[in-house]
Amino acid sequence: MHENRINEGALAPARLAPSARRRPGWQLAIGVLMTLGILVLAFFKRAWLIEAIGLAGAAQPAWLLLGLVTIVRSFLISSQVFLVVLVCWGIASACSACGPRRWSQL
């Protein structure tokens, strides 16, 4: 039966010319535009931000902690879903610390 293994050489970074290693200008431009967009949005919505910070200061710490735990758990669950997809595509092993596994071991 097919074993879910990937060739370790396939994951090695390709040797690129020095000019190809540099970040393209359009990626930098998009990053700068996104940063400026966030700053402009924060400037125009500063009254809402001040109100939100005031509400967070008045909130009960237990509810804030519960919200934080919920958000962290949702990110962890999402990461496991993405891991399943990457393993199916052969891009990642099921457990990078312990080596490739078969689907029956997941």
PDB file of N, CA and C in Angstrom:
ATOM      1  N   MET A   1       0.847  -1.183   0.000  1.00  0.00           N
ATOM      2  CA  MET A   1       0.000   0.000   0.000  1.00  0.00           C
ATOM      3  C   MET A   1       0.887   1.239   0.000  1.00  0.00           C
ATOM      4  N   HIS A   2       0.356   2.330  -0.474  1.00  0.00           N
ATOM      5  CA  HIS A   2       1.124   3.566  -0.592  1.00  0.00           C
ATOM      6  C   HIS A   2       1.487   4.109   0.789  1.00  0.00           C
ATOM      7  N   GLU A   3       2.719   4.459   0.944  1.00  0.00           N
ATOM      8  CA  GLU A   3       3.184   4.997   2.214  1.00  0.00           C
ATOM      9  C   GLU A   3       3.284   6.521   2.080  1.00  0.00           C
ATOM     10  N   ASN A   4       2.778   7.237   3.062  1.00  0.00           N
ATOM     11  CA  ASN A   4       2.781   8.697   3.011  1.00  0.00           C
ATOM     12  C   ASN A   4       4.141   9.233   3.411  1.00  0.00           C
ATOM     13  N   ARG A   5       5.077   9.147   2.509  1.00  0.00           N
ATOM     14  CA  ARG A   5       6.416   9.681   2.751  1.00  0.00           C
ATOM     15  C   ARG A   5       6.735  10.677   1.664  1.00  0.00           C
ATOM     16  N   ILE A   6       7.535  11.607   2.028  1.00  0.00           N
ATOM     17  CA  ILE A   6       7.992  12.570   1.042  1.00  0.00           C
ATOM     18  C   ILE A   6       9.496  12.511   0.975  1.00  0.00           C
ATOM     19  N   ASN A   7      10.002  12.802  -0.176  1.00  0.00           N
ATOM     20  CA  ASN A   7      11.433  12.810  -0.384  1.00  0.00           C
ATOM     21  C   ASN A   7      12.005  14.028   0.325  1.00  0.00           C
ATOM     22  N   GLU A   8      12.928  13.800   1.251  1.00  0.00           N
ATOM     23  CA  GLU A   8      13.508  14.909   2.016  1.00  0.00           C
ATOM     24  C   GLU A   8      14.223  15.895   1.091  1.00  0.00           C
ATOM     25  N   GLY A   9      14.786  15.396  -0.007  1.00  0.00           N
ATOM     26  CA  GLY A   9      15.454  16.279  -0.952  1.00  0.00           C
ATOM     27  C   GLY A   9      14.488  17.229  -1.633  1.00  0.00           C
ATOM     28  N   ALA A  10      13.230  16.815  -1.740  1.00  0.00           N
ATOM     29  CA  ALA A  10      12.237  17.674  -2.381  1.00  0.00           C
ATOM     30  C   ALA A  10      11.924  18.894  -1.531  1.00  0.00           C
ATOM     31  N   LEU A  11      12.142  18.792  -0.220  1.00  0.00           N
ATOM     32  CA  LEU A  11      11.850  19.922   0.658  1.00  0.00           C
ATOM     33  C   LEU A  11      13.027  20.872   0.802  1.00  0.00           C
ATOM     34  N   ALA A  12      14.200  20.455   0.354  1.00  0.00           N
ATOM     35  CA  ALA A  12      15.375  21.318   0.481  1.00  0.00           C
ATOM     36  C   ALA A  12      15.197  22.546  -0.397  1.00  0.00           C
ATOM     37  N   PRO A  13      15.598  23.705   0.097  1.00  0.00           N
ATOM     38  CA  PRO A  13      15.445  24.915  -0.704  1.00  0.00           C
ATOM     39  C   PRO A  13      16.300  24.840  -1.957  1.00  0.00           C
ATOM     40  N   ALA A  14      15.716  25.273  -3.036  1.00  0.00           N
ATOM     41  CA  ALA A  14      16.447  25.267  -4.299  1.00  0.00           C
ATOM     42  C   ALA A  14      17.543  26.324  -4.250  1.00  0.00           C
ATOM     43  N   ARG A  15      18.627  26.038  -4.912  1.00  0.00           N
ATOM     44  CA  ARG A  15      19.720  27.008  -4.964  1.00  0.00           C
ATOM     45  C   ARG A  15      19.347  28.079  -5.976  1.00  0.00           C
ATOM     46  N   LEU A  16      19.242  29.286  -5.477  1.00  0.00           N
ATOM     47  CA  LEU A  16      18.837  30.396  -6.322  1.00  0.00           C
ATOM     48  C   LEU A  16      20.012  31.333  -6.545  1.00  0.00           C
ATOM     49  N   ALA A  17      19.926  32.048  -7.626  1.00  0.00           N
ATOM     50  CA  ALA A  17      20.925  33.068  -7.888  1.00  0.00           C
ATOM     51  C   ALA A  17      20.778  34.165  -6.845  1.00  0.00           C
ATOM     52  N   PRO A  18      21.850  34.882  -6.508  1.00  0.00           N
ATOM     53  CA  PRO A  18      21.755  35.929  -5.478  1.00  0.00           C
ATOM     54  C   PRO A  18      20.657  36.943  -5.752  1.00  0.00           C
ATOM     55  N   SER A  19      20.413  37.292  -7.007  1.00  0.00           N
ATOM     56  CA  SER A  19      19.365  38.281  -7.299  1.00  0.00           C
ATOM     57  C   SER A  19      17.973  37.718  -7.054  1.00  0.00           C
ATOM     58  N   ALA A  20      17.805  36.382  -7.166  1.00  0.00           N
ATOM     59  CA  ALA A  20      16.486  35.781  -6.964  1.00  0.00           C
ATOM     60  C   ALA A  20      16.141  35.662  -5.487  1.00  0.00           C
ATOM     61  N   ARG A  21      17.127  35.778  -4.593  1.00  0.00           N
ATOM     62  CA  ARG A  21      16.857  35.668  -3.162  1.00  0.00           C
ATOM     63  C   ARG A  21      16.264  36.944  -2.585  1.00  0.00           C
ATOM     64  N   ARG A  22      16.439  38.027  -3.265  1.00  0.00           N
ATOM     65  CA  ARG A  22      15.906  39.290  -2.750  1.00  0.00           C
ATOM     66  C   ARG A  22      14.391  39.296  -2.848  1.00  0.00           C
ATOM     67  N   ARG A  23      13.781  40.012  -1.920  1.00  0.00           N
ATOM     68  CA  ARG A  23      12.330  40.144  -1.928  1.00  0.00           C
ATOM     69  C   ARG A  23      11.932  41.066  -3.085  1.00  0.00           C
ATOM     70  N   PRO A  24      10.971  40.636  -3.889  1.00  0.00           N
ATOM     71  CA  PRO A  24      10.535  41.495  -4.993  1.00  0.00           C
ATOM     72  C   PRO A  24       9.935  42.795  -4.481  1.00  0.00           C
ATOM     73  N   GLY A  25      10.075  43.837  -5.270  1.00  0.00           N
ATOM     74  CA  GLY A  25       9.583  45.151  -4.875  1.00  0.00           C
ATOM     75  C   GLY A  25       8.087  45.193  -4.639  1.00  0.00           C
ATOM     76  N   TRP A  26       7.328  44.381  -5.389  1.00  0.00           N
ATOM     77  CA  TRP A  26       5.874  44.432  -5.220  1.00  0.00           C
ATOM     78  C   TRP A  26       5.454  43.888  -3.864  1.00  0.00           C
ATOM     79  N   GLN A  27       6.192  42.924  -3.297  1.00  0.00           N
ATOM     80  CA  GLN A  27       5.850  42.420  -1.970  1.00  0.00           C
ATOM     81  C   GLN A  27       6.075  43.501  -0.918  1.00  0.00           C
ATOM     82  N   LEU A  28       7.151  44.231  -1.050  1.00  0.00           N
ATOM     83  CA  LEU A  28       7.418  45.338  -0.135  1.00  0.00           C
ATOM     84  C   LEU A  28       6.348  46.421  -0.278  1.00  0.00           C
ATOM     85  N   ALA A  29       5.970  46.719  -1.501  1.00  0.00           N
ATOM     86  CA  ALA A  29       4.948  47.745  -1.745  1.00  0.00           C
ATOM     87  C   ALA A  29       3.611  47.339  -1.130  1.00  0.00           C
ATOM     88  N   ILE A  30       3.233  46.086  -1.285  1.00  0.00           N
ATOM     89  CA  ILE A  30       1.969  45.615  -0.708  1.00  0.00           C
ATOM     90  C   ILE A  30       2.033  45.680   0.817  1.00  0.00           C
ATOM     91  N   GLY A  31       3.178  45.309   1.398  1.00  0.00           N
ATOM     92  CA  GLY A  31       3.327  45.385   2.853  1.00  0.00           C
ATOM     93  C   GLY A  31       3.204  46.812   3.365  1.00  0.00           C
ATOM     94  N   VAL A  32       3.826  47.747   2.663  1.00  0.00           N
ATOM     95  CA  VAL A  32       3.743  49.155   3.064  1.00  0.00           C
ATOM     96  C   VAL A  32       2.313  49.666   2.918  1.00  0.00           C
ATOM     97  N   LEU A  33       1.638  49.319   1.824  1.00  0.00           N
ATOM     98  CA  LEU A  33       0.252  49.760   1.625  1.00  0.00           C
ATOM     99  C   LEU A  33      -0.682  49.185   2.693  1.00  0.00           C
ATOM    100  N   MET A  34      -0.480  47.932   3.060  1.00  0.00           N
ATOM    101  CA  MET A  34      -1.320  47.345   4.107  1.00  0.00           C
ATOM    102  C   MET A  34      -1.082  48.027   5.444  1.00  0.00           C
ATOM    103  N   THR A  35       0.183  48.320   5.758  1.00  0.00           N
ATOM    104  CA  THR A  35       0.493  49.012   7.009  1.00  0.00           C
ATOM    105  C   THR A  35      -0.124  50.398   7.031  1.00  0.00           C
ATOM    106  N   LEU A  36       0.003  51.125   5.931  1.00  0.00           N
ATOM    107  CA  LEU A  36      -0.602  52.459   5.861  1.00  0.00           C
ATOM    108  C   LEU A  36      -2.117  52.383   5.973  1.00  0.00           C
ATOM    109  N   GLY A  37      -2.722  51.371   5.353  1.00  0.00           N
ATOM    110  CA  GLY A  37      -4.169  51.206   5.446  1.00  0.00           C
ATOM    111  C   GLY A  37      -4.627  50.966   6.879  1.00  0.00           C
ATOM    112  N   ILE A  38      -3.884  50.147   7.611  1.00  0.00           N
ATOM    113  CA  ILE A  38      -4.230  49.882   9.010  1.00  0.00           C
ATOM    114  C   ILE A  38      -4.081  51.150   9.843  1.00  0.00           C
ATOM    115  N   LEU A  39      -3.007  51.903   9.614  1.00  0.00           N
ATOM    116  CA  LEU A  39      -2.805  53.146  10.367  1.00  0.00           C
ATOM    117  C   LEU A  39      -3.888  54.175  10.064  1.00  0.00           C
ATOM    118  N   VAL A  40      -4.282  54.292   8.804  1.00  0.00           N
ATOM    119  CA  VAL A  40      -5.343  55.236   8.430  1.00  0.00           C
ATOM    120  C   VAL A  40      -6.668  54.811   9.057  1.00  0.00           C
ATOM    121  N   LEU A  41      -6.957  53.517   9.000  1.00  0.00           N
ATOM    122  CA  LEU A  41      -8.197  53.019   9.605  1.00  0.00           C
ATOM    123  C   LEU A  41      -8.209  53.268  11.111  1.00  0.00           C
ATOM    124  N   ALA A  42      -7.084  53.036  11.765  1.00  0.00           N
ATOM    125  CA  ALA A  42      -7.006  53.284  13.208  1.00  0.00           C
ATOM    126  C   ALA A  42      -7.185  54.767  13.511  1.00  0.00           C
ATOM    127  N   PHE A  43      -6.653  55.640  12.651  1.00  0.00           N
ATOM    128  CA  PHE A  43      -6.797  57.082  12.874  1.00  0.00           C
ATOM    129  C   PHE A  43      -8.256  57.502  12.763  1.00  0.00           C
ATOM    130  N   PHE A  44      -8.946  57.030  11.722  1.00  0.00           N
ATOM    131  CA  PHE A  44     -10.342  57.443  11.527  1.00  0.00           C
ATOM    132  C   PHE A  44     -11.300  56.782  12.515  1.00  0.00           C
ATOM    133  N   LYS A  45     -10.933  55.641  13.044  1.00  0.00           N
ATOM    134  CA  LYS A  45     -11.787  54.935  14.004  1.00  0.00           C
ATOM    135  C   LYS A  45     -11.241  55.053  15.419  1.00  0.00           C
ATOM    136  N   ARG A  46     -10.500  56.114  15.702  1.00  0.00           N
ATOM    137  CA  ARG A  46      -9.861  56.221  17.025  1.00  0.00           C
ATOM    138  C   ARG A  46     -10.870  56.347  18.152  1.00  0.00           C
ATOM    139  N   ALA A  47     -12.019  56.968  17.916  1.00  0.00           N
ATOM    140  CA  ALA A  47     -13.042  57.065  18.971  1.00  0.00           C
ATOM    141  C   ALA A  47     -13.559  55.664  19.329  1.00  0.00           C
ATOM    142  N   TRP A  48     -13.774  54.847  18.326  1.00  0.00           N
ATOM    143  CA  TRP A  48     -14.231  53.485  18.571  1.00  0.00           C
ATOM    144  C   TRP A  48     -13.158  52.682  19.305  1.00  0.00           C
ATOM    145  N   LEU A  49     -11.895  52.881  18.926  1.00  0.00           N
ATOM    146  CA  LEU A  49     -10.801  52.178  19.593  1.00  0.00           C
ATOM    147  C   LEU A  49     -10.687  52.583  21.061  1.00  0.00           C
ATOM    148  N   ILE A  50     -10.833  53.869  21.347  1.00  0.00           N
ATOM    149  CA  ILE A  50     -10.756  54.347  22.733  1.00  0.00           C
ATOM    150  C   ILE A  50     -11.900  53.753  23.551  1.00  0.00           C
ATOM    151  N   GLU A  51     -13.086  53.699  22.958  1.00  0.00           N
ATOM    152  CA  GLU A  51     -14.237  53.108  23.645  1.00  0.00           C
ATOM    153  C   GLU A  51     -14.000  51.606  23.899  1.00  0.00           C
ATOM    154  N   ALA A  52     -13.447  50.912  22.918  1.00  0.00           N
ATOM    155  CA  ALA A  52     -13.186  49.474  23.070  1.00  0.00           C
ATOM    156  C   ALA A  52     -12.148  49.216  24.158  1.00  0.00           C
ATOM    157  N   ILE A  53     -11.127  50.044  24.216  1.00  0.00           N
ATOM    158  CA  ILE A  53     -10.100  49.887  25.257  1.00  0.00           C
ATOM    159  C   ILE A  53     -10.711  50.153  26.633  1.00  0.00           C
ATOM    160  N   GLY A  54     -11.592  51.143  26.721  1.00  0.00           N
ATOM    161  CA  GLY A  54     -12.271  51.419  27.988  1.00  0.00           C
ATOM    162  C   GLY A  54     -13.151  50.261  28.423  1.00  0.00           C
ATOM    163  N   LEU A  55     -13.863  49.655  27.464  1.00  0.00           N
ATOM    164  CA  LEU A  55     -14.705  48.500  27.789  1.00  0.00           C
ATOM    165  C   LEU A  55     -13.849  47.310  28.235  1.00  0.00           C
ATOM    166  N   ALA A  56     -12.707  47.105  27.585  1.00  0.00           N
ATOM    167  CA  ALA A  56     -11.821  46.001  27.976  1.00  0.00           C
ATOM    168  C   ALA A  56     -11.272  46.226  29.381  1.00  0.00           C
ATOM    169  N   GLY A  57     -11.004  47.486  29.725  1.00  0.00           N
ATOM    170  CA  GLY A  57     -10.517  47.789  31.063  1.00  0.00           C
ATOM    171  C   GLY A  57     -11.559  47.543  32.131  1.00  0.00           C
ATOM    172  N   ALA A  58     -12.837  47.685  31.762  1.00  0.00           N
ATOM    173  CA  ALA A  58     -13.914  47.483  32.731  1.00  0.00           C
ATOM    174  C   ALA A  58     -14.407  46.039  32.758  1.00  0.00           C
ATOM    175  N   ALA A  59     -13.917  45.203  31.859  1.00  0.00           N
ATOM    176  CA  ALA A  59     -14.397  43.814  31.770  1.00  0.00           C
ATOM    177  C   ALA A  59     -13.832  42.974  32.907  1.00  0.00           C
ATOM    178  N   GLN A  60     -14.528  41.900  33.202  1.00  0.00           N
ATOM    179  CA  GLN A  60     -14.053  40.964  34.217  1.00  0.00           C
ATOM    180  C   GLN A  60     -12.912  40.134  33.625  1.00  0.00           C
ATOM    181  N   PRO A  61     -11.807  40.010  34.359  1.00  0.00           N
ATOM    182  CA  PRO A  61     -10.650  39.276  33.833  1.00  0.00           C
ATOM    183  C   PRO A  61     -10.964  37.835  33.442  1.00  0.00           C
ATOM    184  N   ALA A  62     -11.894  37.203  34.130  1.00  0.00           N
ATOM    185  CA  ALA A  62     -12.229  35.816  33.804  1.00  0.00           C
ATOM    186  C   ALA A  62     -12.794  35.713  32.388  1.00  0.00           C
ATOM    187  N   TRP A  63     -13.632  36.697  31.990  1.00  0.00           N
ATOM    188  CA  TRP A  63     -14.199  36.672  30.645  1.00  0.00           C
ATOM    189  C   TRP A  63     -13.135  36.957  29.590  1.00  0.00           C
ATOM    190  N   LEU A  64     -12.212  37.859  29.905  1.00  0.00           N
ATOM    191  CA  LEU A  64     -11.125  38.135  28.969  1.00  0.00           C
ATOM    192  C   LEU A  64     -10.247  36.900  28.782  1.00  0.00           C
ATOM    193  N   LEU A  65      -9.965  36.207  29.871  1.00  0.00           N
ATOM    194  CA  LEU A  65      -9.164  34.994  29.796  1.00  0.00           C
ATOM    195  C   LEU A  65      -9.894  33.905  29.008  1.00  0.00           C
ATOM    196  N   LEU A  66     -11.185  33.767  29.235  1.00  0.00           N
ATOM    197  CA  LEU A  66     -11.975  32.789  28.493  1.00  0.00           C
ATOM    198  C   LEU A  66     -11.954  33.107  26.992  1.00  0.00           C
ATOM    199  N   GLY A  67     -12.079  34.374  26.647  1.00  0.00           N
ATOM    200  CA  GLY A  67     -12.014  34.773  25.242  1.00  0.00           C
ATOM    201  C   GLY A  67     -10.664  34.461  24.628  1.00  0.00           C
ATOM    202  N   LEU A  68      -9.597  34.739  25.377  1.00  0.00           N
ATOM    203  CA  LEU A  68      -8.245  34.453  24.885  1.00  0.00           C
ATOM    204  C   LEU A  68      -8.047  32.956  24.675  1.00  0.00           C
ATOM    205  N   VAL A  69      -8.495  32.154  25.620  1.00  0.00           N
ATOM    206  CA  VAL A  69      -8.367  30.695  25.502  1.00  0.00           C
ATOM    207  C   VAL A  69      -9.153  30.195  24.296  1.00  0.00           C
ATOM    208  N   THR A  70     -10.342  30.739  24.078  1.00  0.00           N
ATOM    209  CA  THR A  70     -11.168  30.334  22.942  1.00  0.00           C
ATOM    210  C   THR A  70     -10.473  30.651  21.625  1.00  0.00           C
ATOM    211  N   ILE A  71      -9.892  31.832  21.521  1.00  0.00           N
ATOM    212  CA  ILE A  71      -9.196  32.223  20.295  1.00  0.00           C
ATOM    213  C   ILE A  71      -7.984  31.335  20.055  1.00  0.00           C
ATOM    214  N   VAL A  72      -7.200  31.076  21.095  1.00  0.00           N
ATOM    215  CA  VAL A  72      -6.011  30.231  20.940  1.00  0.00           C
ATOM    216  C   VAL A  72      -6.413  28.819  20.528  1.00  0.00           C
ATOM    217  N   ARG A  73      -7.441  28.271  21.143  1.00  0.00           N
ATOM    218  CA  ARG A  73      -7.895  26.922  20.773  1.00  0.00           C
ATOM    219  C   ARG A  73      -8.377  26.878  19.332  1.00  0.00           C
ATOM    220  N   SER A  74      -9.062  27.917  18.873  1.00  0.00           N
ATOM    221  CA  SER A  74      -9.542  27.905  17.491  1.00  0.00           C
ATOM    222  C   SER A  74      -8.369  27.945  16.512  1.00  0.00           C
ATOM    223  N   PHE A  75      -7.300  28.688  16.836  1.00  0.00           N
ATOM    224  CA  PHE A  75      -6.119  28.695  15.971  1.00  0.00           C
ATOM    225  C   PHE A  75      -5.449  27.331  15.960  1.00  0.00           C
ATOM    226  N   LEU A  76      -5.374  26.673  17.110  1.00  0.00           N
ATOM    227  CA  LEU A  76      -4.763  25.348  17.161  1.00  0.00           C
ATOM    228  C   LEU A  76      -5.569  24.331  16.358  1.00  0.00           C
ATOM    229  N   ILE A  77      -6.883  24.390  16.451  1.00  0.00           N
ATOM    230  CA  ILE A  77      -7.730  23.481  15.683  1.00  0.00           C
ATOM    231  C   ILE A  77      -7.570  23.746  14.192  1.00  0.00           C
ATOM    232  N   SER A  78      -7.537  25.020  13.800  1.00  0.00           N
ATOM    233  CA  SER A  78      -7.340  25.364  12.393  1.00  0.00           C
ATOM    234  C   SER A  78      -6.001  24.857  11.887  1.00  0.00           C
ATOM    235  N   SER A  79      -4.967  24.965  12.717  1.00  0.00           N
ATOM    236  CA  SER A  79      -3.655  24.499  12.281  1.00  0.00           C
ATOM    237  C   SER A  79      -3.666  22.997  12.048  1.00  0.00           C
ATOM    238  N   GLN A  80      -4.415  22.247  12.843  1.00  0.00           N
ATOM    239  CA  GLN A  80      -4.494  20.807  12.636  1.00  0.00           C
ATOM    240  C   GLN A  80      -5.243  20.465  11.357  1.00  0.00           C
ATOM    241  N   VAL A  81      -6.261  21.250  11.031  1.00  0.00           N
ATOM    242  CA  VAL A  81      -6.981  21.043   9.771  1.00  0.00           C
ATOM    243  C   VAL A  81      -6.043  21.305   8.597  1.00  0.00           C
ATOM    244  N   PHE A  82      -5.271  22.384   8.655  1.00  0.00           N
ATOM    245  CA  PHE A  82      -4.321  22.676   7.583  1.00  0.00           C
ATOM    246  C   PHE A  82      -3.243  21.607   7.497  1.00  0.00           C
ATOM    247  N   LEU A  83      -2.818  21.052   8.631  1.00  0.00           N
ATOM    248  CA  LEU A  83      -1.815  19.992   8.626  1.00  0.00           C
ATOM    249  C   LEU A  83      -2.335  18.765   7.889  1.00  0.00           C
ATOM    250  N   VAL A  84      -3.596  18.415   8.097  1.00  0.00           N
ATOM    251  CA  VAL A  84      -4.177  17.265   7.399  1.00  0.00           C
ATOM    252  C   VAL A  84      -4.132  17.494   5.891  1.00  0.00           C
ATOM    253  N   VAL A  85      -4.467  18.701   5.459  1.00  0.00           N
ATOM    254  CA  VAL A  85      -4.445  19.019   4.032  1.00  0.00           C
ATOM    255  C   VAL A  85      -3.023  18.944   3.495  1.00  0.00           C
ATOM    256  N   LEU A  86      -2.062  19.513   4.221  1.00  0.00           N
ATOM    257  CA  LEU A  86      -0.678  19.485   3.756  1.00  0.00           C
ATOM    258  C   LEU A  86      -0.131  18.069   3.702  1.00  0.00           C
ATOM    259  N   VAL A  87      -0.516  17.224   4.654  1.00  0.00           N
ATOM    260  CA  VAL A  87      -0.078  15.827   4.626  1.00  0.00           C
ATOM    261  C   VAL A  87      -0.702  15.119   3.434  1.00  0.00           C
ATOM    262  N   CYS A  88      -1.966  15.397   3.151  1.00  0.00           N
ATOM    263  CA  CYS A  88      -2.623  14.785   1.988  1.00  0.00           C
ATOM    264  C   CYS A  88      -1.911  15.166   0.694  1.00  0.00           C
ATOM    265  N   TRP A  89      -1.464  16.394   0.610  1.00  0.00           N
ATOM    266  CA  TRP A  89      -0.776  16.868  -0.592  1.00  0.00           C
ATOM    267  C   TRP A  89       0.684  16.429  -0.620  1.00  0.00           C
ATOM    268  N   GLY A  90       1.165  15.861   0.483  1.00  0.00           N
ATOM    269  CA  GLY A  90       2.550  15.420   0.526  1.00  0.00           C
ATOM    270  C   GLY A  90       3.535  16.529   0.800  1.00  0.00           C
ATOM    271  N   ILE A  91       3.068  17.665   1.272  1.00  0.00           N
ATOM    272  CA  ILE A  91       3.938  18.807   1.527  1.00  0.00           C
ATOM    273  C   ILE A  91       4.566  18.719   2.911  1.00  0.00           C
ATOM    274  N   ALA A  92       3.870  18.133   3.864  1.00  0.00           N
ATOM    275  CA  ALA A  92       4.371  18.047   5.241  1.00  0.00           C
ATOM    276  C   ALA A  92       4.205  16.620   5.742  1.00  0.00           C
ATOM    277  N   SER A  93       5.045  16.255   6.707  1.00  0.00           N
ATOM    278  CA  SER A  93       4.853  14.965   7.353  1.00  0.00           C
ATOM    279  C   SER A  93       3.858  15.156   8.492  1.00  0.00           C
ATOM    280  N   ALA A  94       3.281  14.063   8.960  1.00  0.00           N
ATOM    281  CA  ALA A  94       2.250  14.163   9.990  1.00  0.00           C
ATOM    282  C   ALA A  94       2.803  14.708  11.294  1.00  0.00           C
ATOM    283  N   CYS A  95       4.059  14.468  11.566  1.00  0.00           N
ATOM    284  CA  CYS A  95       4.672  14.943  12.799  1.00  0.00           C
ATOM    285  C   CYS A  95       6.135  15.237  12.500  1.00  0.00           C
ATOM    286  N   SER A  96       6.486  16.479  12.417  1.00  0.00           N
ATOM    287  CA  SER A  96       7.844  16.828  12.027  1.00  0.00           C
ATOM    288  C   SER A  96       8.866  16.403  13.079  1.00  0.00           C
ATOM    289  N   ALA A  97       8.464  16.256  14.333  1.00  0.00           N
ATOM    290  CA  ALA A  97       9.403  15.881  15.381  1.00  0.00           C
ATOM    291  C   ALA A  97       9.666  14.377  15.386  1.00  0.00           C
ATOM    292  N   CYS A  98       8.663  13.575  14.989  1.00  0.00           N
ATOM    293  CA  CYS A  98       8.820  12.122  15.085  1.00  0.00           C
ATOM    294  C   CYS A  98       8.877  11.441  13.735  1.00  0.00           C
ATOM    295  N   GLY A  99       8.927  12.179  12.657  1.00  0.00           N
ATOM    296  CA  GLY A  99       9.045  11.586  11.327  1.00  0.00           C
ATOM    297  C   GLY A  99       7.699  11.274  10.713  1.00  0.00           C
ATOM    298  N   PRO A 100       7.713  10.767   9.491  1.00  0.00           N
ATOM    299  CA  PRO A 100       6.456  10.475   8.781  1.00  0.00           C
ATOM    300  C   PRO A 100       5.665   9.368   9.464  1.00  0.00           C
ATOM    301  N   ARG A 101       4.357   9.459   9.366  1.00  0.00           N
ATOM    302  CA  ARG A 101       3.464   8.443   9.917  1.00  0.00           C
ATOM    303  C   ARG A 101       2.510   7.986   8.822  1.00  0.00           C
ATOM    304  N   ARG A 102       1.930   6.846   9.062  1.00  0.00           N
ATOM    305  CA  ARG A 102       0.878   6.378   8.161  1.00  0.00           C
ATOM    306  C   ARG A 102      -0.451   6.945   8.645  1.00  0.00           C
ATOM    307  N   TRP A 103      -1.447   6.962   7.719  1.00  0.00           N
ATOM    308  CA  TRP A 103      -2.749   7.524   8.086  1.00  0.00           C
ATOM    309  C   TRP A 103      -3.385   6.758   9.231  1.00  0.00           C
ATOM    310  N   SER A 104      -3.115   5.482   9.362  1.00  0.00           N
ATOM    311  CA  SER A 104      -3.725   4.701  10.446  1.00  0.00           C
ATOM    312  C   SER A 104      -3.198   5.160  11.807  1.00  0.00           C
ATOM    313  N   GLN A 105      -2.067   5.863  11.822  1.00  0.00           N
ATOM    314  CA  GLN A 105      -1.493   6.326  13.084  1.00  0.00           C
ATOM    315  C   GLN A 105      -1.941   7.738  13.440  1.00  0.00           C
ATOM    316  N   LEU A 106      -2.635   8.426  12.536  1.00  0.00           N
ATOM    317  CA  LEU A 106      -3.055   9.806  12.829  1.00  0.00           C
ATOM    318  C   LEU A 106      -4.197   9.861  13.797  1.00  0.00           C
TER     319      LEU A 106
END
